[in-house]
Amino acid sequence: MCPHLSGIPTFEVEVHNTCASGCDITGIHLNCAGFNSDNVIHPKIFFHQKNSILCVINKDEPLKFRAAVSFSYTTNLQILNRIISVHT
């Protein structure tokens, strides 16, 4: 966590594919209940439909073995901390 210029915290999120069998993963969904951010996040990396508790990572496309996606969001509370689903 780092302070944003406005004084509101900025949280860094990294999602890594560490599949034990060397597989690609898809369907990476996070619990986003109450999510709101003061900065824009590219929807291919992170998509949150308004009034939904579900956020989609990497546009549901495969995340290759050992690859990662990252983004940051600015808000007063850390919201993104729980994965709902991942498929191999």
PDB file of N, CA and C in Angstrom:
ATOM      1  N   MET A   1       0.840  -1.163   0.000  1.00  0.00           N
ATOM      2  CA  MET A   1       0.000   0.000   0.000  1.00  0.00           C
ATOM      3  C   MET A   1       0.893   1.237   0.000  1.00  0.00           C
ATOM      4  N   CYS A   2       0.529   2.221  -0.828  1.00  0.00           N
ATOM      5  CA  CYS A   2       1.237   3.496  -0.908  1.00  0.00           C
ATOM      6  C   CYS A   2       0.210   4.615  -0.852  1.00  0.00           C
ATOM      7  N   PRO A   3       0.572   5.748  -0.315  1.00  0.00           N
ATOM      8  CA  PRO A   3      -0.379   6.853  -0.343  1.00  0.00           C
ATOM      9  C   PRO A   3      -0.462   7.480  -1.726  1.00  0.00           C
ATOM     10  N   HIS A   4      -1.649   7.758  -2.188  1.00  0.00           N
ATOM     11  CA  HIS A   4      -1.904   8.447  -3.450  1.00  0.00           C
ATOM     12  C   HIS A   4      -1.682   9.932  -3.214  1.00  0.00           C
ATOM     13  N   LEU A   5      -1.502  10.703  -4.270  1.00  0.00           N
ATOM     14  CA  LEU A   5      -1.298  12.145  -4.131  1.00  0.00           C
ATOM     15  C   LEU A   5      -2.407  12.804  -3.331  1.00  0.00           C
ATOM     16  N   SER A   6      -3.625  12.269  -3.424  1.00  0.00           N
ATOM     17  CA  SER A   6      -4.756  12.842  -2.700  1.00  0.00           C
ATOM     18  C   SER A   6      -4.766  12.444  -1.225  1.00  0.00           C
ATOM     19  N   GLY A   7      -3.846  11.571  -0.837  1.00  0.00           N
ATOM     20  CA  GLY A   7      -3.809  11.077   0.533  1.00  0.00           C
ATOM     21  C   GLY A   7      -4.589   9.791   0.731  1.00  0.00           C
ATOM     22  N   ILE A   8      -5.322   9.360  -0.296  1.00  0.00           N
ATOM     23  CA  ILE A   8      -6.081   8.108  -0.243  1.00  0.00           C
ATOM     24  C   ILE A   8      -5.118   6.964  -0.581  1.00  0.00           C
ATOM     25  N   PRO A   9      -5.176   5.851   0.140  1.00  0.00           N
ATOM     26  CA  PRO A   9      -4.255   4.744  -0.123  1.00  0.00           C
ATOM     27  C   PRO A   9      -4.426   4.145  -1.517  1.00  0.00           C
ATOM     28  N   THR A  10      -3.305   3.731  -2.099  1.00  0.00           N
ATOM     29  CA  THR A  10      -3.291   2.997  -3.360  1.00  0.00           C
ATOM     30  C   THR A  10      -2.806   1.583  -3.061  1.00  0.00           C
ATOM     31  N   PHE A  11      -3.580   0.584  -3.466  1.00  0.00           N
ATOM     32  CA  PHE A  11      -3.249  -0.818  -3.238  1.00  0.00           C
ATOM     33  C   PHE A  11      -2.764  -1.449  -4.538  1.00  0.00           C
ATOM     34  N   GLU A  12      -1.707  -2.223  -4.456  1.00  0.00           N
ATOM     35  CA  GLU A  12      -1.152  -2.940  -5.597  1.00  0.00           C
ATOM     36  C   GLU A  12      -1.624  -4.390  -5.539  1.00  0.00           C
ATOM     37  N   VAL A  13      -2.103  -4.897  -6.674  1.00  0.00           N
ATOM     38  CA  VAL A  13      -2.580  -6.281  -6.753  1.00  0.00           C
ATOM     39  C   VAL A  13      -1.772  -6.997  -7.826  1.00  0.00           C
ATOM     40  N   GLU A  14      -1.252  -8.170  -7.498  1.00  0.00           N
ATOM     41  CA  GLU A  14      -0.575  -9.023  -8.464  1.00  0.00           C
ATOM     42  C   GLU A  14      -1.194 -10.412  -8.379  1.00  0.00           C
ATOM     43  N   VAL A  15      -1.562 -10.940  -9.525  1.00  0.00           N
ATOM     44  CA  VAL A  15      -2.100 -12.299  -9.607  1.00  0.00           C
ATOM     45  C   VAL A  15      -1.092 -13.112 -10.405  1.00  0.00           C
ATOM     46  N   HIS A  16      -0.508 -14.124  -9.765  1.00  0.00           N
ATOM     47  CA  HIS A  16       0.516 -14.978 -10.375  1.00  0.00           C
ATOM     48  C   HIS A  16      -0.050 -16.365 -10.614  1.00  0.00           C
ATOM     49  N   ASN A  17       0.299 -16.960 -11.741  1.00  0.00           N
ATOM     50  CA  ASN A  17      -0.067 -18.348 -12.001  1.00  0.00           C
ATOM     51  C   ASN A  17       1.069 -19.230 -11.500  1.00  0.00           C
ATOM     52  N   THR A  18       0.820 -19.898 -10.395  1.00  0.00           N
ATOM     53  CA  THR A  18       1.804 -20.814  -9.813  1.00  0.00           C
ATOM     54  C   THR A  18       1.274 -22.250  -9.814  1.00  0.00           C
ATOM     55  N   CYS A  19       0.509 -22.590 -10.838  1.00  0.00           N
ATOM     56  CA  CYS A  19      -0.081 -23.923 -10.948  1.00  0.00           C
ATOM     57  C   CYS A  19       1.006 -24.994 -10.760  1.00  0.00           C
ATOM     58  N   ALA A  20       0.789 -25.893  -9.829  1.00  0.00           N
ATOM     59  CA  ALA A  20       1.784 -26.910  -9.480  1.00  0.00           C
ATOM     60  C   ALA A  20       2.131 -27.831 -10.647  1.00  0.00           C
ATOM     61  N   SER A  21       1.179 -28.051 -11.570  1.00  0.00           N
ATOM     62  CA  SER A  21       1.450 -28.953 -12.693  1.00  0.00           C
ATOM     63  C   SER A  21       1.872 -28.210 -13.951  1.00  0.00           C
ATOM     64  N   GLY A  22       2.142 -26.911 -13.849  1.00  0.00           N
ATOM     65  CA  GLY A  22       2.614 -26.150 -14.998  1.00  0.00           C
ATOM     66  C   GLY A  22       1.519 -25.777 -15.978  1.00  0.00           C
ATOM     67  N   CYS A  23       0.291 -25.681 -15.520  1.00  0.00           N
ATOM     68  CA  CYS A  23      -0.849 -25.431 -16.397  1.00  0.00           C
ATOM     69  C   CYS A  23      -1.168 -23.941 -16.536  1.00  0.00           C
ATOM     70  N   ASP A  24      -1.951 -23.612 -17.551  1.00  0.00           N
ATOM     71  CA  ASP A  24      -2.527 -22.281 -17.681  1.00  0.00           C
ATOM     72  C   ASP A  24      -3.795 -22.254 -16.825  1.00  0.00           C
ATOM     73  N   ILE A  25      -4.174 -21.091 -16.345  1.00  0.00           N
ATOM     74  CA  ILE A  25      -5.399 -20.974 -15.553  1.00  0.00           C
ATOM     75  C   ILE A  25      -6.335 -19.942 -16.180  1.00  0.00           C
ATOM     76  N   THR A  26      -7.626 -20.156 -16.006  1.00  0.00           N
ATOM     77  CA  THR A  26      -8.653 -19.234 -16.500  1.00  0.00           C
ATOM     78  C   THR A  26      -9.699 -19.052 -15.402  1.00  0.00           C
ATOM     79  N   GLY A  27     -10.685 -18.236 -15.692  1.00  0.00           N
ATOM     80  CA  GLY A  27     -11.787 -18.055 -14.751  1.00  0.00           C
ATOM     81  C   GLY A  27     -11.333 -17.513 -13.416  1.00  0.00           C
ATOM     82  N   ILE A  28     -10.398 -16.571 -13.425  1.00  0.00           N
ATOM     83  CA  ILE A  28      -9.899 -15.994 -12.179  1.00  0.00           C
ATOM     84  C   ILE A  28     -10.872 -14.898 -11.755  1.00  0.00           C
ATOM     85  N   HIS A  29     -11.608 -15.176 -10.693  1.00  0.00           N
ATOM     86  CA  HIS A  29     -12.637 -14.251 -10.205  1.00  0.00           C
ATOM     87  C   HIS A  29     -12.360 -13.894  -8.750  1.00  0.00           C
ATOM     88  N   LEU A  30     -12.503 -12.620  -8.443  1.00  0.00           N
ATOM     89  CA  LEU A  30     -12.296 -12.130  -7.086  1.00  0.00           C
ATOM     90  C   LEU A  30     -13.609 -11.658  -6.488  1.00  0.00           C
ATOM     91  N   ASN A  31     -13.689 -11.706  -5.167  1.00  0.00           N
ATOM     92  CA  ASN A  31     -14.822 -11.112  -4.458  1.00  0.00           C
ATOM     93  C   ASN A  31     -14.581  -9.608  -4.427  1.00  0.00           C
ATOM     94  N   CYS A  32     -15.488  -8.837  -5.017  1.00  0.00           N
ATOM     95  CA  CYS A  32     -15.331  -7.386  -5.111  1.00  0.00           C
ATOM     96  C   CYS A  32     -16.484  -6.642  -4.450  1.00  0.00           C
ATOM     97  N   ALA A  33     -17.131  -7.264  -3.504  1.00  0.00           N
ATOM     98  CA  ALA A  33     -18.253  -6.605  -2.829  1.00  0.00           C
ATOM     99  C   ALA A  33     -17.787  -5.274  -2.260  1.00  0.00           C
ATOM    100  N   GLY A  34     -18.464  -4.204  -2.615  1.00  0.00           N
ATOM    101  CA  GLY A  34     -18.136  -2.882  -2.122  1.00  0.00           C
ATOM    102  C   GLY A  34     -16.989  -2.198  -2.832  1.00  0.00           C
ATOM    103  N   PHE A  35     -16.503  -2.795  -3.953  1.00  0.00           N
ATOM    104  CA  PHE A  35     -15.342  -2.231  -4.646  1.00  0.00           C
ATOM    105  C   PHE A  35     -15.669  -0.892  -5.300  1.00  0.00           C
ATOM    106  N   ASN A  36     -14.738   0.027  -5.134  1.00  0.00           N
ATOM    107  CA  ASN A  36     -14.791   1.325  -5.797  1.00  0.00           C
ATOM    108  C   ASN A  36     -13.359   1.826  -5.848  1.00  0.00           C
ATOM    109  N   SER A  37     -12.984   2.426  -6.973  1.00  0.00           N
ATOM    110  CA  SER A  37     -11.620   2.933  -7.096  1.00  0.00           C
ATOM    111  C   SER A  37     -11.645   4.321  -7.698  1.00  0.00           C
ATOM    112  N   ASP A  38     -10.720   5.153  -7.250  1.00  0.00           N
ATOM    113  CA  ASP A  38     -10.600   6.494  -7.795  1.00  0.00           C
ATOM    114  C   ASP A  38      -9.768   6.518  -9.069  1.00  0.00           C
ATOM    115  N   ASN A  39      -9.091   5.427  -9.404  1.00  0.00           N
ATOM    116  CA  ASN A  39      -8.315   5.392 -10.643  1.00  0.00           C
ATOM    117  C   ASN A  39      -8.906   4.368 -11.608  1.00  0.00           C
ATOM    118  N   VAL A  40      -8.638   4.566 -12.886  1.00  0.00           N
ATOM    119  CA  VAL A  40      -9.154   3.689 -13.939  1.00  0.00           C
ATOM    120  C   VAL A  40      -8.233   2.478 -14.071  1.00  0.00           C
ATOM    121  N   ILE A  41      -8.843   1.293 -14.146  1.00  0.00           N
ATOM    122  CA  ILE A  41      -8.105   0.044 -14.339  1.00  0.00           C
ATOM    123  C   ILE A  41      -8.505  -0.514 -15.692  1.00  0.00           C
ATOM    124  N   HIS A  42      -7.519  -0.900 -16.507  1.00  0.00           N
ATOM    125  CA  HIS A  42      -7.814  -1.420 -17.846  1.00  0.00           C
ATOM    126  C   HIS A  42      -8.727  -2.647 -17.726  1.00  0.00           C
ATOM    127  N   PRO A  43      -9.881  -2.644 -18.420  1.00  0.00           N
ATOM    128  CA  PRO A  43     -10.852  -3.743 -18.262  1.00  0.00           C
ATOM    129  C   PRO A  43     -10.361  -5.099 -18.746  1.00  0.00           C
ATOM    130  N   LYS A  44      -9.315  -5.158 -19.563  1.00  0.00           N
ATOM    131  CA  LYS A  44      -8.769  -6.460 -19.963  1.00  0.00           C
ATOM    132  C   LYS A  44      -8.050  -7.119 -18.787  1.00  0.00           C
ATOM    133  N   ILE A  45      -7.489  -6.318 -17.905  1.00  0.00           N
ATOM    134  CA  ILE A  45      -6.777  -6.856 -16.743  1.00  0.00           C
ATOM    135  C   ILE A  45      -7.732  -7.108 -15.587  1.00  0.00           C
ATOM    136  N   PHE A  46      -8.641  -6.162 -15.364  1.00  0.00           N
ATOM    137  CA  PHE A  46      -9.543  -6.235 -14.217  1.00  0.00           C
ATOM    138  C   PHE A  46     -10.888  -5.643 -14.624  1.00  0.00           C
ATOM    139  N   PHE A  47     -11.946  -6.447 -14.523  1.00  0.00           N
ATOM    140  CA  PHE A  47     -13.269  -5.957 -14.898  1.00  0.00           C
ATOM    141  C   PHE A  47     -14.226  -6.137 -13.733  1.00  0.00           C
ATOM    142  N   HIS A  48     -14.880  -5.055 -13.361  1.00  0.00           N
ATOM    143  CA  HIS A  48     -15.867  -5.077 -12.290  1.00  0.00           C
ATOM    144  C   HIS A  48     -17.145  -4.444 -12.814  1.00  0.00           C
ATOM    145  N   GLN A  49     -18.196  -5.246 -12.923  1.00  0.00           N
ATOM    146  CA  GLN A  49     -19.491  -4.718 -13.351  1.00  0.00           C
ATOM    147  C   GLN A  49     -20.150  -4.043 -12.164  1.00  0.00           C
ATOM    148  N   LYS A  50     -20.629  -2.830 -12.385  1.00  0.00           N
ATOM    149  CA  LYS A  50     -21.250  -2.056 -11.313  1.00  0.00           C
ATOM    150  C   LYS A  50     -22.334  -2.881 -10.616  1.00  0.00           C
ATOM    151  N   ASN A  51     -22.400  -2.790  -9.312  1.00  0.00           N
ATOM    152  CA  ASN A  51     -23.369  -3.492  -8.457  1.00  0.00           C
ATOM    153  C   ASN A  51     -23.185  -5.004  -8.438  1.00  0.00           C
ATOM    154  N   SER A  52     -22.020  -5.489  -8.816  1.00  0.00           N
ATOM    155  CA  SER A  52     -21.736  -6.921  -8.778  1.00  0.00           C
ATOM    156  C   SER A  52     -20.685  -7.186  -7.706  1.00  0.00           C
ATOM    157  N   ILE A  53     -20.720  -8.380  -7.123  1.00  0.00           N
ATOM    158  CA  ILE A  53     -19.678  -8.751  -6.167  1.00  0.00           C
ATOM    159  C   ILE A  53     -18.536  -9.497  -6.855  1.00  0.00           C
ATOM    160  N   LEU A  54     -18.630  -9.695  -8.169  1.00  0.00           N
ATOM    161  CA  LEU A  54     -17.656 -10.472  -8.916  1.00  0.00           C
ATOM    162  C   LEU A  54     -16.774  -9.572  -9.769  1.00  0.00           C
ATOM    163  N   CYS A  55     -15.459  -9.797  -9.706  1.00  0.00           N
ATOM    164  CA  CYS A  55     -14.498  -9.128 -10.581  1.00  0.00           C
ATOM    165  C   CYS A  55     -13.784 -10.203 -11.387  1.00  0.00           C
ATOM    166  N   VAL A  56     -13.529  -9.902 -12.652  1.00  0.00           N
ATOM    167  CA  VAL A  56     -12.885 -10.846 -13.562  1.00  0.00           C
ATOM    168  C   VAL A  56     -11.464 -10.362 -13.843  1.00  0.00           C
ATOM    169  N   ILE A  57     -10.515 -11.278 -13.724  1.00  0.00           N
ATOM    170  CA  ILE A  57      -9.111 -10.990 -13.988  1.00  0.00           C
ATOM    171  C   ILE A  57      -8.726 -11.543 -15.354  1.00  0.00           C
ATOM    172  N   ASN A  58      -7.970 -10.765 -16.122  1.00  0.00           N
ATOM    173  CA  ASN A  58      -7.424 -11.172 -17.418  1.00  0.00           C
ATOM    174  C   ASN A  58      -8.507 -11.516 -18.436  1.00  0.00           C
ATOM    175  N   LYS A  59      -9.655 -10.871 -18.310  1.00  0.00           N
ATOM    176  CA  LYS A  59     -10.775 -11.026 -19.261  1.00  0.00           C
ATOM    177  C   LYS A  59     -11.164 -12.491 -19.454  1.00  0.00           C
ATOM    178  N   ASP A  60     -10.979 -13.302 -18.411  1.00  0.00           N
ATOM    179  CA  ASP A  60     -11.258 -14.747 -18.435  1.00  0.00           C
ATOM    180  C   ASP A  60     -10.430 -15.495 -19.471  1.00  0.00           C
ATOM    181  N   GLU A  61      -9.396 -14.866 -19.988  1.00  0.00           N
ATOM    182  CA  GLU A  61      -8.488 -15.541 -20.915  1.00  0.00           C
ATOM    183  C   GLU A  61      -7.422 -16.281 -20.121  1.00  0.00           C
ATOM    184  N   PRO A  62      -6.794 -17.289 -20.724  1.00  0.00           N
ATOM    185  CA  PRO A  62      -5.790 -18.061 -19.987  1.00  0.00           C
ATOM    186  C   PRO A  62      -4.628 -17.186 -19.513  1.00  0.00           C
ATOM    187  N   LEU A  63      -4.237 -17.423 -18.278  1.00  0.00           N
ATOM    188  CA  LEU A  63      -3.029 -16.821 -17.743  1.00  0.00           C
ATOM    189  C   LEU A  63      -1.983 -17.931 -17.776  1.00  0.00           C
ATOM    190  N   LYS A  64      -0.965 -17.736 -18.592  1.00  0.00           N
ATOM    191  CA  LYS A  64       0.049 -18.768 -18.808  1.00  0.00           C
ATOM    192  C   LYS A  64       0.788 -19.092 -17.511  1.00  0.00           C
ATOM    193  N   PHE A  65       1.321 -20.306 -17.456  1.00  0.00           N
ATOM    194  CA  PHE A  65       2.100 -20.747 -16.308  1.00  0.00           C
ATOM    195  C   PHE A  65       3.252 -19.771 -16.057  1.00  0.00           C
ATOM    196  N   ARG A  66       3.421 -19.381 -14.812  1.00  0.00           N
ATOM    197  CA  ARG A  66       4.433 -18.442 -14.331  1.00  0.00           C
ATOM    198  C   ARG A  66       4.213 -17.002 -14.794  1.00  0.00           C
ATOM    199  N   ALA A  67       3.108 -16.725 -15.466  1.00  0.00           N
ATOM    200  CA  ALA A  67       2.796 -15.348 -15.866  1.00  0.00           C
ATOM    201  C   ALA A  67       2.068 -14.646 -14.725  1.00  0.00           C
ATOM    202  N   ALA A  68       1.954 -13.331 -14.851  1.00  0.00           N
ATOM    203  CA  ALA A  68       1.266 -12.548 -13.826  1.00  0.00           C
ATOM    204  C   ALA A  68       0.582 -11.347 -14.481  1.00  0.00           C
ATOM    205  N   VAL A  69      -0.468 -10.872 -13.834  1.00  0.00           N
ATOM    206  CA  VAL A  69      -1.089  -9.604 -14.195  1.00  0.00           C
ATOM    207  C   VAL A  69      -1.100  -8.752 -12.938  1.00  0.00           C
ATOM    208  N   SER A  70      -0.997  -7.454 -13.123  1.00  0.00           N
ATOM    209  CA  SER A  70      -0.999  -6.576 -11.963  1.00  0.00           C
ATOM    210  C   SER A  70      -1.728  -5.283 -12.281  1.00  0.00           C
ATOM    211  N   PHE A  71      -2.242  -4.664 -11.233  1.00  0.00           N
ATOM    212  CA  PHE A  71      -2.918  -3.387 -11.347  1.00  0.00           C
ATOM    213  C   PHE A  71      -2.949  -2.757  -9.966  1.00  0.00           C
ATOM    214  N   SER A  72      -3.334  -1.503  -9.923  1.00  0.00           N
ATOM    215  CA  SER A  72      -3.477  -0.829  -8.638  1.00  0.00           C
ATOM    216  C   SER A  72      -4.842  -0.167  -8.574  1.00  0.00           C
ATOM    217  N   TYR A  73      -5.305   0.038  -7.356  1.00  0.00           N
ATOM    218  CA  TYR A  73      -6.563   0.746  -7.159  1.00  0.00           C
ATOM    219  C   TYR A  73      -6.437   1.656  -5.955  1.00  0.00           C
ATOM    220  N   THR A  74      -7.171   2.753  -6.006  1.00  0.00           N
ATOM    221  CA  THR A  74      -7.097   3.778  -4.976  1.00  0.00           C
ATOM    222  C   THR A  74      -8.446   3.916  -4.294  1.00  0.00           C
ATOM    223  N   THR A  75      -8.457   3.669  -2.997  1.00  0.00           N
ATOM    224  CA  THR A  75      -9.677   3.752  -2.208  1.00  0.00           C
ATOM    225  C   THR A  75      -9.296   3.793  -0.731  1.00  0.00           C
ATOM    226  N   ASN A  76     -10.243   4.074   0.109  1.00  0.00           N
ATOM    227  CA  ASN A  76      -9.960   4.142   1.542  1.00  0.00           C
ATOM    228  C   ASN A  76      -9.840   2.784   2.216  1.00  0.00           C
ATOM    229  N   LEU A  77     -10.418   1.733   1.624  1.00  0.00           N
ATOM    230  CA  LEU A  77     -10.398   0.404   2.236  1.00  0.00           C
ATOM    231  C   LEU A  77      -9.849  -0.634   1.282  1.00  0.00           C
ATOM    232  N   GLN A  78      -9.038  -1.553   1.799  1.00  0.00           N
ATOM    233  CA  GLN A  78      -8.561  -2.664   0.986  1.00  0.00           C
ATOM    234  C   GLN A  78      -9.728  -3.622   0.780  1.00  0.00           C
ATOM    235  N   ILE A  79     -10.131  -3.806  -0.470  1.00  0.00           N
ATOM    236  CA  ILE A  79     -11.307  -4.621  -0.781  1.00  0.00           C
ATOM    237  C   ILE A  79     -10.909  -5.954  -1.405  1.00  0.00           C
ATOM    238  N   LEU A  80      -9.987  -5.931  -2.350  1.00  0.00           N
ATOM    239  CA  LEU A  80      -9.662  -7.130  -3.131  1.00  0.00           C
ATOM    240  C   LEU A  80      -8.689  -8.017  -2.369  1.00  0.00           C
ATOM    241  N   ASN A  81      -9.214  -9.024  -1.723  1.00  0.00           N
ATOM    242  CA  ASN A  81      -8.348  -9.903  -0.948  1.00  0.00           C
ATOM    243  C   ASN A  81      -8.805 -11.347  -0.949  1.00  0.00           C
ATOM    244  N   ARG A  82      -9.776 -11.689  -1.796  1.00  0.00           N
ATOM    245  CA  ARG A  82     -10.267 -13.064  -1.773  1.00  0.00           C
ATOM    246  C   ARG A  82     -10.612 -13.557  -3.176  1.00  0.00           C
ATOM    247  N   ILE A  83      -9.994 -14.664  -3.574  1.00  0.00           N
ATOM    248  CA  ILE A  83     -10.290 -15.300  -4.862  1.00  0.00           C
ATOM    249  C   ILE A  83     -11.521 -16.173  -4.686  1.00  0.00           C
ATOM    250  N   ILE A  84     -12.469 -16.035  -5.621  1.00  0.00           N
ATOM    251  CA  ILE A  84     -13.687 -16.854  -5.603  1.00  0.00           C
ATOM    252  C   ILE A  84     -13.474 -18.134  -6.403  1.00  0.00           C
ATOM    253  N   SER A  85     -12.857 -18.001  -7.601  1.00  0.00           N
ATOM    254  CA  SER A  85     -12.674 -19.189  -8.447  1.00  0.00           C
ATOM    255  C   SER A  85     -11.477 -19.053  -9.362  1.00  0.00           C
ATOM    256  N   VAL A  86     -10.909 -20.206  -9.714  1.00  0.00           N
ATOM    257  CA  VAL A  86      -9.846 -20.341 -10.707  1.00  0.00           C
ATOM    258  C   VAL A  86     -10.035 -21.701 -11.352  1.00  0.00           C
ATOM    259  N   HIS A  87      -9.860 -21.759 -12.676  1.00  0.00           N
ATOM    260  CA  HIS A  87     -10.018 -23.026 -13.393  1.00  0.00           C
ATOM    261  C   HIS A  87      -8.736 -23.371 -14.130  1.00  0.00           C
ATOM    262  N   THR A  88      -8.419 -24.691 -14.167  1.00  0.00           N
ATOM    263  CA  THR A  88      -7.232 -25.148 -14.885  1.00  0.00           C
ATOM    264  C   THR A  88      -7.636 -25.881 -16.130  1.00  0.00           C
TER     265      THR A  88
END
